[in-house]
PDB file of all heavy atoms in Angstrom:
ATOM      1  N   GLN A   1     218.184  17.475 266.251  1.00  0.00           N
ATOM      2  CA  GLN A   1     219.356  17.969 266.989  1.00  0.00           C
ATOM      3  C   GLN A   1     220.473  18.391 266.028  1.00  0.00           C
ATOM      4  O   GLN A   1     221.140  19.410 266.253  1.00  0.00           O
ATOM      5  CB  GLN A   1     219.849  16.886 267.954  1.00  0.00           C
ATOM      6  CG  GLN A   1     218.900  16.656 269.126  1.00  0.00           C
ATOM      7  CD  GLN A   1     219.197  15.390 269.898  1.00  0.00           C
ATOM      8  OE1 GLN A   1     219.753  14.424 269.349  1.00  0.00           O
ATOM      9  NE2 GLN A   1     218.825  15.366 271.172  1.00  0.00           N
ATOM     10  N   ALA A   2     220.668  17.626 264.974  1.00  0.00           N
ATOM     11  CA  ALA A   2     221.700  17.989 263.989  1.00  0.00           C
ATOM     12  C   ALA A   2     221.352  19.291 263.292  1.00  0.00           C
ATOM     13  O   ALA A   2     222.216  20.156 263.093  1.00  0.00           O
ATOM     14  CB  ALA A   2     221.854  16.860 262.966  1.00  0.00           C
ATOM     15  N   LYS A   3     220.079  19.465 262.930  1.00  0.00           N
ATOM     16  CA  LYS A   3     219.646  20.705 262.286  1.00  0.00           C
ATOM     17  C   LYS A   3     219.789  21.893 263.226  1.00  0.00           C
ATOM     18  O   LYS A   3     220.026  23.022 262.781  1.00  0.00           O
ATOM     19  CB  LYS A   3     218.192  20.590 261.820  1.00  0.00           C
ATOM     20  CG  LYS A   3     217.995  19.728 260.598  1.00  0.00           C
ATOM     21  CD  LYS A   3     216.536  19.745 260.164  1.00  0.00           C
ATOM     22  CE  LYS A   3     216.312  18.892 258.932  1.00  0.00           C
ATOM     23  NZ  LYS A   3     214.896  18.911 258.494  1.00  0.00           N
ATOM     24  N   SER A   4     219.649  21.630 264.509  1.00  0.00           N
ATOM     25  CA  SER A   4     219.778  22.700 265.514  1.00  0.00           C
ATOM     26  C   SER A   4     221.231  23.070 265.780  1.00  0.00           C
ATOM     27  O   SER A   4     221.512  24.035 266.481  1.00  0.00           O
ATOM     28  CB  SER A   4     219.127  22.263 266.835  1.00  0.00           C
ATOM     29  OG  SER A   4     217.760  21.985 266.664  1.00  0.00           O
ATOM     30  N   GLY A   5     222.147  22.269 265.244  1.00  0.00           N
ATOM     31  CA  GLY A   5     223.563  22.547 265.425  1.00  0.00           C
ATOM     32  C   GLY A   5     224.208  21.798 266.569  1.00  0.00           C
ATOM     33  O   GLY A   5     225.397  21.982 266.846  1.00  0.00           O
ATOM     34  N   ASP A   6     223.443  20.951 267.250  1.00  0.00           N
ATOM     35  CA  ASP A   6     223.980  20.192 268.382  1.00  0.00           C
ATOM     36  C   ASP A   6     224.391  18.796 267.902  1.00  0.00           C
ATOM     37  O   ASP A   6     223.677  17.804 268.105  1.00  0.00           O
ATOM     38  CB  ASP A   6     222.931  20.094 269.491  1.00  0.00           C
ATOM     39  CG  ASP A   6     223.503  19.565 270.799  1.00  0.00           C
ATOM     40  OD1 ASP A   6     224.646  19.062 270.791  1.00  0.00           O
ATOM     41  OD2 ASP A   6     222.795  19.640 271.825  1.00  0.00           O
ATOM     42  N   LYS A   7     225.556  18.710 267.248  1.00  0.00           N
ATOM     43  CA  LYS A   7     226.013  17.454 266.668  1.00  0.00           C
ATOM     44  C   LYS A   7     226.302  16.400 267.745  1.00  0.00           C
ATOM     45  O   LYS A   7     226.088  15.208 267.531  1.00  0.00           O
ATOM     46  CB  LYS A   7     227.280  17.696 265.831  1.00  0.00           C
ATOM     47  CG  LYS A   7     227.081  18.576 264.607  1.00  0.00           C
ATOM     48  CD  LYS A   7     226.198  17.912 263.582  1.00  0.00           C
ATOM     49  CE  LYS A   7     226.289  18.584 262.212  1.00  0.00           C
ATOM     50  NZ  LYS A   7     225.931  19.990 262.209  1.00  0.00           N
ATOM     51  N   LYS A   8     226.791  16.841 268.899  1.00  0.00           N
ATOM     52  CA  LYS A   8     227.107  15.908 269.979  1.00  0.00           C
ATOM     53  C   LYS A   8     225.856  15.168 270.436  1.00  0.00           C
ATOM     54  O   LYS A   8     225.862  13.927 270.579  1.00  0.00           O
ATOM     55  CB  LYS A   8     227.735  16.665 271.151  1.00  0.00           C
ATOM     56  CG  LYS A   8     228.197  15.766 272.286  1.00  0.00           C
ATOM     57  CD  LYS A   8     228.890  16.572 273.376  1.00  0.00           C
ATOM     58  CE  LYS A   8     229.352  15.681 274.521  1.00  0.00           C
ATOM     59  NZ  LYS A   8     230.025  16.471 275.589  1.00  0.00           N
ATOM     60  N   ALA A   9     224.775  15.929 270.657  1.00  0.00           N
ATOM     61  CA  ALA A   9     223.513  15.305 271.069  1.00  0.00           C
ATOM     62  C   ALA A   9     222.944  14.449 269.945  1.00  0.00           C
ATOM     63  O   ALA A   9     222.366  13.381 270.186  1.00  0.00           O
ATOM     64  CB  ALA A   9     222.513  16.382 271.485  1.00  0.00           C
ATOM     65  N   ALA A  10     223.119  14.904 268.697  1.00  0.00           N
ATOM     66  CA  ALA A  10     222.609  14.158 267.546  1.00  0.00           C
ATOM     67  C   ALA A  10     223.281  12.800 267.439  1.00  0.00           C
ATOM     68  O   ALA A  10     222.621  11.777 267.186  1.00  0.00           O
ATOM     69  CB  ALA A  10     222.823  14.963 266.268  1.00  0.00           C
ATOM     70  N   ILE A  11     224.598  12.762 267.643  1.00  0.00           N
ATOM     71  CA  ILE A  11     225.342  11.496 267.573  1.00  0.00           C
ATOM     72  C   ILE A  11     224.886  10.555 268.693  1.00  0.00           C
ATOM     73  O   ILE A  11     224.701   9.352 268.471  1.00  0.00           O
ATOM     74  CB  ILE A  11     226.857  11.764 267.664  1.00  0.00           C
ATOM     75  CG1 ILE A  11     227.336  12.496 266.399  1.00  0.00           C
ATOM     76  CG2 ILE A  11     227.622  10.466 267.862  1.00  0.00           C
ATOM     77  CD1 ILE A  11     228.751  13.020 266.489  1.00  0.00           C
ATOM     78  N   LYS A  12     224.684  11.110 269.869  1.00  0.00           N
ATOM     79  CA  LYS A  12     224.237  10.302 271.002  1.00  0.00           C
ATOM     80  C   LYS A  12     222.874   9.658 270.708  1.00  0.00           C
ATOM     81  O   LYS A  12     222.670   8.464 270.952  1.00  0.00           O
ATOM     82  CB  LYS A  12     224.160  11.168 272.257  1.00  0.00           C
ATOM     83  CG  LYS A  12     223.775  10.408 273.513  1.00  0.00           C
ATOM     84  CD  LYS A  12     223.782  11.334 274.731  1.00  0.00           C
ATOM     85  CE  LYS A  12     223.381  10.573 276.000  1.00  0.00           C
ATOM     86  NZ  LYS A  12     223.389  11.480 277.189  1.00  0.00           N
ATOM     87  N   SER A  13     221.940  10.454 270.176  1.00  0.00           N
ATOM     88  CA  SER A  13     220.604   9.929 269.859  1.00  0.00           C
ATOM     89  C   SER A  13     220.673   8.915 268.720  1.00  0.00           C
ATOM     90  O   SER A  13     219.973   7.897 268.731  1.00  0.00           O
ATOM     91  CB  SER A  13     219.669  11.084 269.476  1.00  0.00           C
ATOM     92  OG  SER A  13     219.481  11.961 270.557  1.00  0.00           O
ATOM     93  N   ALA A  14     221.532   9.192 267.719  1.00  0.00           N
ATOM     94  CA  ALA A  14     221.671   8.284 266.588  1.00  0.00           C
ATOM     95  C   ALA A  14     222.239   6.935 267.033  1.00  0.00           C
ATOM     96  O   ALA A  14     221.850   5.885 266.516  1.00  0.00           O
ATOM     97  CB  ALA A  14     222.565   8.906 265.517  1.00  0.00           C
ATOM     98  N   LYS A  15     223.160   6.953 267.993  1.00  0.00           N
ATOM     99  CA  LYS A  15     223.731   5.705 268.502  1.00  0.00           C
ATOM    100  C   LYS A  15     222.665   4.883 269.229  1.00  0.00           C
ATOM    101  O   LYS A  15     222.624   3.652 269.115  1.00  0.00           O
ATOM    102  CB  LYS A  15     224.906   5.999 269.434  1.00  0.00           C
ATOM    103  CG  LYS A  15     226.162   6.453 268.687  1.00  0.00           C
ATOM    104  CD  LYS A  15     227.314   6.707 269.631  1.00  0.00           C
ATOM    105  CE  LYS A  15     228.592   7.083 268.869  1.00  0.00           C
ATOM    106  NZ  LYS A  15     229.721   7.364 269.788  1.00  0.00           N
ATOM    107  N   LYS A  16     221.787   5.562 269.967  1.00  0.00           N
ATOM    108  CA  LYS A  16     220.691   4.865 270.639  1.00  0.00           C
ATOM    109  C   LYS A  16     219.737   4.262 269.598  1.00  0.00           C
ATOM    110  O   LYS A  16     219.274   3.130 269.738  1.00  0.00           O
ATOM    111  CB  LYS A  16     219.928   5.824 271.553  1.00  0.00           C
ATOM    112  CG  LYS A  16     220.696   6.279 272.781  1.00  0.00           C
ATOM    113  CD  LYS A  16     219.834   7.228 273.609  1.00  0.00           C
ATOM    114  CE  LYS A  16     220.588   7.713 274.852  1.00  0.00           C
ATOM    115  NZ  LYS A  16     219.759   8.667 275.644  1.00  0.00           N
ATOM    116  N   SER A  17     219.457   5.051 268.564  1.00  0.00           N
ATOM    117  CA  SER A  17     218.587   4.567 267.496  1.00  0.00           C
ATOM    118  C   SER A  17     219.213   3.378 266.775  1.00  0.00           C
ATOM    119  O   SER A  17     218.533   2.394 266.459  1.00  0.00           O
ATOM    120  CB  SER A  17     218.319   5.701 266.488  1.00  0.00           C
ATOM    121  OG  SER A  17     217.534   5.253 265.414  1.00  0.00           O
ATOM    122  N   LEU A  18     220.532   3.468 266.544  1.00  0.00           N
ATOM    123  CA  LEU A  18     221.259   2.384 265.877  1.00  0.00           C
ATOM    124  C   LEU A  18     221.174   1.098 266.684  1.00  0.00           C
ATOM    125  O   LEU A  18     220.930   0.009 266.144  1.00  0.00           O
ATOM    126  CB  LEU A  18     222.721   2.793 265.672  1.00  0.00           C
ATOM    127  CG  LEU A  18     223.652   1.740 265.072  1.00  0.00           C
ATOM    128  CD1 LEU A  18     223.171   1.317 263.702  1.00  0.00           C
ATOM    129  CD2 LEU A  18     225.081   2.292 265.003  1.00  0.00           C
ATOM    130  N   GLU A  19     221.374   1.215 267.984  1.00  0.00           N
ATOM    131  CA  GLU A  19     221.333   0.043 268.859  1.00  0.00           C
ATOM    132  C   GLU A  19     219.959  -0.627 268.816  1.00  0.00           C
ATOM    133  O   GLU A  19     219.850  -1.855 268.686  1.00  0.00           O
ATOM    134  CB  GLU A  19     221.665   0.453 270.301  1.00  0.00           C
ATOM    135  CG  GLU A  19     221.693  -0.703 271.285  1.00  0.00           C
ATOM    136  CD  GLU A  19     222.011  -0.245 272.706  1.00  0.00           C
ATOM    137  OE1 GLU A  19     222.440   0.917 272.875  1.00  0.00           O
ATOM    138  OE2 GLU A  19     221.819  -1.055 273.634  1.00  0.00           O
ATOM    139  N   LYS A  20     218.904   0.193 268.896  1.00  0.00           N
ATOM    140  CA  LYS A  20     217.546  -0.356 268.869  1.00  0.00           C
ATOM    141  C   LYS A  20     217.188  -0.905 267.484  1.00  0.00           C
ATOM    142  O   LYS A  20     216.453  -1.894 267.365  1.00  0.00           O
ATOM    143  CB  LYS A  20     216.542   0.716 269.297  1.00  0.00           C
ATOM    144  CG  LYS A  20     216.594   1.040 270.788  1.00  0.00           C
ATOM    145  CD  LYS A  20     215.577   2.099 271.150  1.00  0.00           C
ATOM    146  CE  LYS A  20     215.552   2.348 272.662  1.00  0.00           C
ATOM    147  NZ  LYS A  20     214.974   1.206 273.407  1.00  0.00           N
ATOM    148  N   ALA A  21     217.722  -0.266 266.438  1.00  0.00           N
ATOM    149  CA  ALA A  21     217.467  -0.750 265.082  1.00  0.00           C
ATOM    150  C   ALA A  21     218.104  -2.112 264.871  1.00  0.00           C
ATOM    151  O   ALA A  21     217.539  -2.983 264.192  1.00  0.00           O
ATOM    152  CB  ALA A  21     217.994   0.249 264.059  1.00  0.00           C
ATOM    153  N   LYS A  22     219.278  -2.301 265.439  1.00  0.00           N
ATOM    154  CA  LYS A  22     219.943  -3.615 265.354  1.00  0.00           C
ATOM    155  C   LYS A  22     219.127  -4.674 266.081  1.00  0.00           C
ATOM    156  O   LYS A  22     218.989  -5.805 265.605  1.00  0.00           O
ATOM    157  CB  LYS A  22     221.351  -3.529 265.940  1.00  0.00           C
ATOM    158  CG  LYS A  22     222.345  -2.771 265.055  1.00  0.00           C
ATOM    159  CD  LYS A  22     223.722  -2.703 265.710  1.00  0.00           C
ATOM    160  CE  LYS A  22     224.736  -1.996 264.807  1.00  0.00           C
ATOM    161  NZ  LYS A  22     226.076  -1.889 265.441  1.00  0.00           N
ATOM    162  N   GLU A  23     218.579  -4.305 267.237  1.00  0.00           N
ATOM    163  CA  GLU A  23     217.751  -5.243 267.994  1.00  0.00           C
ATOM    164  C   GLU A  23     216.507  -5.631 267.196  1.00  0.00           C
ATOM    165  O   GLU A  23     216.050  -6.773 267.248  1.00  0.00           O
ATOM    166  CB  GLU A  23     217.338  -4.625 269.336  1.00  0.00           C
ATOM    167  CG  GLU A  23     218.490  -4.426 270.314  1.00  0.00           C
ATOM    168  CD  GLU A  23     218.068  -3.661 271.568  1.00  0.00           C
ATOM    169  OE1 GLU A  23     216.867  -3.292 271.637  1.00  0.00           O
ATOM    170  OE2 GLU A  23     218.909  -3.444 272.455  1.00  0.00           O
ATOM    171  N   ALA A  24     215.979  -4.653 266.458  1.00  0.00           N
ATOM    172  CA  ALA A  24     214.768  -4.892 265.675  1.00  0.00           C
ATOM    173  C   ALA A  24     215.073  -5.519 264.313  1.00  0.00           C
ATOM    174  O   ALA A  24     214.160  -5.942 263.599  1.00  0.00           O
ATOM    175  CB  ALA A  24     214.011  -3.580 265.476  1.00  0.00           C
ATOM    176  N   GLY A  25     216.361  -5.549 263.940  1.00  0.00           N
ATOM    177  CA  GLY A  25     216.732  -6.099 262.643  1.00  0.00           C
ATOM    178  C   GLY A  25     216.312  -5.233 261.483  1.00  0.00           C
ATOM    179  O   GLY A  25     216.029  -5.739 260.387  1.00  0.00           O
ATOM    180  N   ASN A  26     216.275  -3.896 261.693  1.00  0.00           N
ATOM    181  CA  ASN A  26     215.854  -2.979 260.634  1.00  0.00           C
ATOM    182  C   ASN A  26     217.084  -2.443 259.903  1.00  0.00           C
ATOM    183  O   ASN A  26     217.755  -1.522 260.369  1.00  0.00           O
ATOM    184  CB  ASN A  26     215.033  -1.821 261.224  1.00  0.00           C
ATOM    185  CG  ASN A  26     214.357  -0.991 260.147  1.00  0.00           C
ATOM    186  OD1 ASN A  26     215.009  -0.414 259.291  1.00  0.00           O
ATOM    187  ND2 ASN A  26     213.037  -0.930 260.197  1.00  0.00           N
ATOM    188  N   ASP A  27     217.367  -3.020 258.740  1.00  0.00           N
ATOM    189  CA  ASP A  27     218.577  -2.669 257.993  1.00  0.00           C
ATOM    190  C   ASP A  27     218.579  -1.222 257.510  1.00  0.00           C
ATOM    191  O   ASP A  27     219.639  -0.586 257.442  1.00  0.00           O
ATOM    192  CB  ASP A  27     218.752  -3.607 256.795  1.00  0.00           C
ATOM    193  CG  ASP A  27     219.076  -5.034 257.225  1.00  0.00           C
ATOM    194  OD1 ASP A  27     219.591  -5.212 258.348  1.00  0.00           O
ATOM    195  OD2 ASP A  27     218.821  -5.968 256.441  1.00  0.00           O
ATOM    196  N   ASP A  28     217.409  -0.714 257.156  1.00  0.00           N
ATOM    197  CA  ASP A  28     217.337   0.667 256.660  1.00  0.00           C
ATOM    198  C   ASP A  28     217.803   1.660 257.723  1.00  0.00           C
ATOM    199  O   ASP A  28     218.601   2.566 257.439  1.00  0.00           O
ATOM    200  CB  ASP A  28     215.911   1.007 256.216  1.00  0.00           C
ATOM    201  CG  ASP A  28     215.513   0.287 254.947  1.00  0.00           C
ATOM    202  OD1 ASP A  28     216.419  -0.134 254.198  1.00  0.00           O
ATOM    203  OD2 ASP A  28     214.297   0.146 254.687  1.00  0.00           O
ATOM    204  N   TYR A  29     217.300   1.493 258.931  1.00  0.00           N
ATOM    205  CA  TYR A  29     217.674   2.413 259.999  1.00  0.00           C
ATOM    206  C   TYR A  29     219.108   2.187 260.466  1.00  0.00           C
ATOM    207  O   TYR A  29     219.768   3.128 260.904  1.00  0.00           O
ATOM    208  CB  TYR A  29     216.686   2.311 261.169  1.00  0.00           C
ATOM    209  CG  TYR A  29     215.460   3.170 260.968  1.00  0.00           C
ATOM    210  CD1 TYR A  29     214.417   2.744 260.146  1.00  0.00           C
ATOM    211  CD2 TYR A  29     215.349   4.423 261.567  1.00  0.00           C
ATOM    212  CE1 TYR A  29     213.297   3.534 259.939  1.00  0.00           C
ATOM    213  CE2 TYR A  29     214.234   5.219 261.377  1.00  0.00           C
ATOM    214  CZ  TYR A  29     213.207   4.765 260.556  1.00  0.00           C
ATOM    215  OH  TYR A  29     212.106   5.555 260.348  1.00  0.00           O
ATOM    216  N   ILE A  30     219.575   0.964 260.377  1.00  0.00           N
ATOM    217  CA  ILE A  30     220.983   0.700 260.697  1.00  0.00           C
ATOM    218  C   ILE A  30     221.865   1.493 259.738  1.00  0.00           C
ATOM    219  O   ILE A  30     222.827   2.159 260.153  1.00  0.00           O
ATOM    220  CB  ILE A  30     221.287  -0.812 260.600  1.00  0.00           C
ATOM    221  CG1 ILE A  30     220.576  -1.568 261.728  1.00  0.00           C
ATOM    222  CG2 ILE A  30     222.794  -1.061 260.651  1.00  0.00           C
ATOM    223  CD1 ILE A  30     220.655  -3.078 261.600  1.00  0.00           C
ATOM    224  N   LYS A  31     221.548   1.425 258.456  1.00  0.00           N
ATOM    225  CA  LYS A  31     222.329   2.121 257.437  1.00  0.00           C
ATOM    226  C   LYS A  31     222.256   3.638 257.629  1.00  0.00           C
ATOM    227  O   LYS A  31     223.272   4.339 257.606  1.00  0.00           O
ATOM    228  CB  LYS A  31     221.820   1.748 256.053  1.00  0.00           C
ATOM    229  CG  LYS A  31     222.601   2.360 254.884  1.00  0.00           C
ATOM    230  CD  LYS A  31     222.075   1.829 253.562  1.00  0.00           C
ATOM    231  CE  LYS A  31     222.900   2.351 252.384  1.00  0.00           C
ATOM    232  NZ  LYS A  31     222.789   3.804 252.216  1.00  0.00           N
ATOM    233  N   MET A  32     221.045   4.168 257.820  1.00  0.00           N
ATOM    234  CA  MET A  32     220.881   5.613 257.952  1.00  0.00           C
ATOM    235  C   MET A  32     221.616   6.152 259.182  1.00  0.00           C
ATOM    236  O   MET A  32     222.300   7.185 259.102  1.00  0.00           O
ATOM    237  CB  MET A  32     219.384   5.975 258.024  1.00  0.00           C
ATOM    238  CG  MET A  32     218.657   5.814 256.708  1.00  0.00           C
ATOM    239  SD  MET A  32     216.956   6.462 256.736  1.00  0.00           S
ATOM    240  CE  MET A  32     216.156   5.321 257.865  1.00  0.00           C
ATOM    241  N   ASN A  33     221.486   5.465 260.300  1.00  0.00           N
ATOM    242  CA  ASN A  33     222.153   5.922 261.515  1.00  0.00           C
ATOM    243  C   ASN A  33     223.675   5.824 261.409  1.00  0.00           C
ATOM    244  O   ASN A  33     224.394   6.729 261.839  1.00  0.00           O
ATOM    245  CB  ASN A  33     221.656   5.115 262.721  1.00  0.00           C
ATOM    246  CG  ASN A  33     220.303   5.575 263.209  1.00  0.00           C
ATOM    247  OD1 ASN A  33     220.100   6.754 263.461  1.00  0.00           O
ATOM    248  ND2 ASN A  33     219.373   4.649 263.329  1.00  0.00           N
ATOM    249  N   THR A  34     224.146   4.745 260.832  1.00  0.00           N
ATOM    250  CA  THR A  34     225.590   4.575 260.668  1.00  0.00           C
ATOM    251  C   THR A  34     226.170   5.689 259.807  1.00  0.00           C
ATOM    252  O   THR A  34     227.217   6.280 260.130  1.00  0.00           O
ATOM    253  CB  THR A  34     225.909   3.210 260.026  1.00  0.00           C
ATOM    254  OG1 THR A  34     225.400   2.164 260.873  1.00  0.00           O
ATOM    255  CG2 THR A  34     227.402   3.028 259.845  1.00  0.00           C
ATOM    256  N   GLU A  35     225.494   6.005 258.716  1.00  0.00           N
ATOM    257  CA  GLU A  35     225.962   7.066 257.822  1.00  0.00           C
ATOM    258  C   GLU A  35     225.912   8.433 258.503  1.00  0.00           C
ATOM    259  O   GLU A  35     226.824   9.259 258.348  1.00  0.00           O
ATOM    260  CB  GLU A  35     225.129   7.083 256.545  1.00  0.00           C
ATOM    261  CG  GLU A  35     225.381   5.865 255.651  1.00  0.00           C
ATOM    262  CD  GLU A  35     224.484   5.841 254.437  1.00  0.00           C
ATOM    263  OE1 GLU A  35     223.523   6.653 254.389  1.00  0.00           O
ATOM    264  OE2 GLU A  35     224.728   5.013 253.533  1.00  0.00           O
ATOM    265  N   SER A  36     224.845   8.697 259.256  1.00  0.00           N
ATOM    266  CA  SER A  36     224.711   9.988 259.937  1.00  0.00           C
ATOM    267  C   SER A  36     225.772  10.160 261.013  1.00  0.00           C
ATOM    268  O   SER A  36     226.355  11.240 261.160  1.00  0.00           O
ATOM    269  CB  SER A  36     223.319  10.127 260.550  1.00  0.00           C
ATOM    270  OG  SER A  36     222.332  10.226 259.546  1.00  0.00           O
ATOM    271  N   ILE A  37     226.023   9.104 261.774  1.00  0.00           N
ATOM    272  CA  ILE A  37     227.045   9.179 262.829  1.00  0.00           C
ATOM    273  C   ILE A  37     228.398   9.499 262.217  1.00  0.00           C
ATOM    274  O   ILE A  37     229.157  10.341 262.729  1.00  0.00           O
ATOM    275  CB  ILE A  37     227.092   7.853 263.619  1.00  0.00           C
ATOM    276  CG1 ILE A  37     225.811   7.692 264.447  1.00  0.00           C
ATOM    277  CG2 ILE A  37     228.323   7.812 264.531  1.00  0.00           C
ATOM    278  CD1 ILE A  37     225.623   6.304 265.046  1.00  0.00           C
ATOM    279  N   ALA A  38     228.723   8.852 261.096  1.00  0.00           N
ATOM    280  CA  ALA A  38     229.985   9.112 260.415  1.00  0.00           C
ATOM    281  C   ALA A  38     230.041  10.542 259.906  1.00  0.00           C
ATOM    282  O   ALA A  38     231.074  11.229 260.025  1.00  0.00           O
ATOM    283  CB  ALA A  38     230.158   8.122 259.272  1.00  0.00           C
ATOM    284  N   GLU A  39     228.956  11.019 259.346  1.00  0.00           N
ATOM    285  CA  GLU A  39     228.902  12.381 258.809  1.00  0.00           C
ATOM    286  C   GLU A  39     229.050  13.416 259.916  1.00  0.00           C
ATOM    287  O   GLU A  39     229.843  14.360 259.804  1.00  0.00           O
ATOM    288  CB  GLU A  39     227.572  12.596 258.072  1.00  0.00           C
ATOM    289  CG  GLU A  39     227.376  14.018 257.532  1.00  0.00           C
ATOM    290  CD  GLU A  39     225.995  14.254 256.985  1.00  0.00           C
ATOM    291  OE1 GLU A  39     225.228  13.277 256.814  1.00  0.00           O
ATOM    292  OE2 GLU A  39     225.648  15.433 256.740  1.00  0.00           O
ATOM    293  N   TRP A  40     228.297  13.255 260.998  1.00  0.00           N
ATOM    294  CA  TRP A  40     228.328  14.259 262.068  1.00  0.00           C
ATOM    295  C   TRP A  40     229.639  14.197 262.856  1.00  0.00           C
ATOM    296  O   TRP A  40     230.074  15.201 263.399  1.00  0.00           O
ATOM    297  CB  TRP A  40     227.140  14.055 262.997  1.00  0.00           C
ATOM    298  CG  TRP A  40     225.802  14.260 262.282  1.00  0.00           C
ATOM    299  CD1 TRP A  40     225.574  15.049 261.209  1.00  0.00           C
ATOM    300  CD2 TRP A  40     224.560  13.617 262.608  1.00  0.00           C
ATOM    301  NE1 TRP A  40     224.256  14.961 260.826  1.00  0.00           N
ATOM    302  CE2 TRP A  40     223.608  14.089 261.675  1.00  0.00           C
ATOM    303  CE3 TRP A  40     224.151  12.711 263.581  1.00  0.00           C
ATOM    304  CZ2 TRP A  40     222.260  13.681 261.689  1.00  0.00           C
ATOM    305  CZ3 TRP A  40     222.827  12.309 263.601  1.00  0.00           C
ATOM    306  CH2 TRP A  40     221.892  12.787 262.667  1.00  0.00           C
ATOM    307  N   SER A  41     230.235  13.018 262.923  1.00  0.00           N
ATOM    308  CA  SER A  41     231.517  12.884 263.654  1.00  0.00           C
ATOM    309  C   SER A  41     232.676  13.532 262.900  1.00  0.00           C
ATOM    310  O   SER A  41     233.668  13.919 263.510  1.00  0.00           O
ATOM    311  CB  SER A  41     231.825  11.397 263.880  1.00  0.00           C
ATOM    312  OG  SER A  41     230.829  10.789 264.675  1.00  0.00           O
TER     313      SER A  41
END
């Protein structure tokens, strides 16, 4: 979505991914999603 230029949708999907990554305890995906959300915002 970010590559397609739809940053709003990309942030929404990244937030969902971040939430699930936290539930799974996956630090790598937590970090990647947090950084992407900040960048796209």
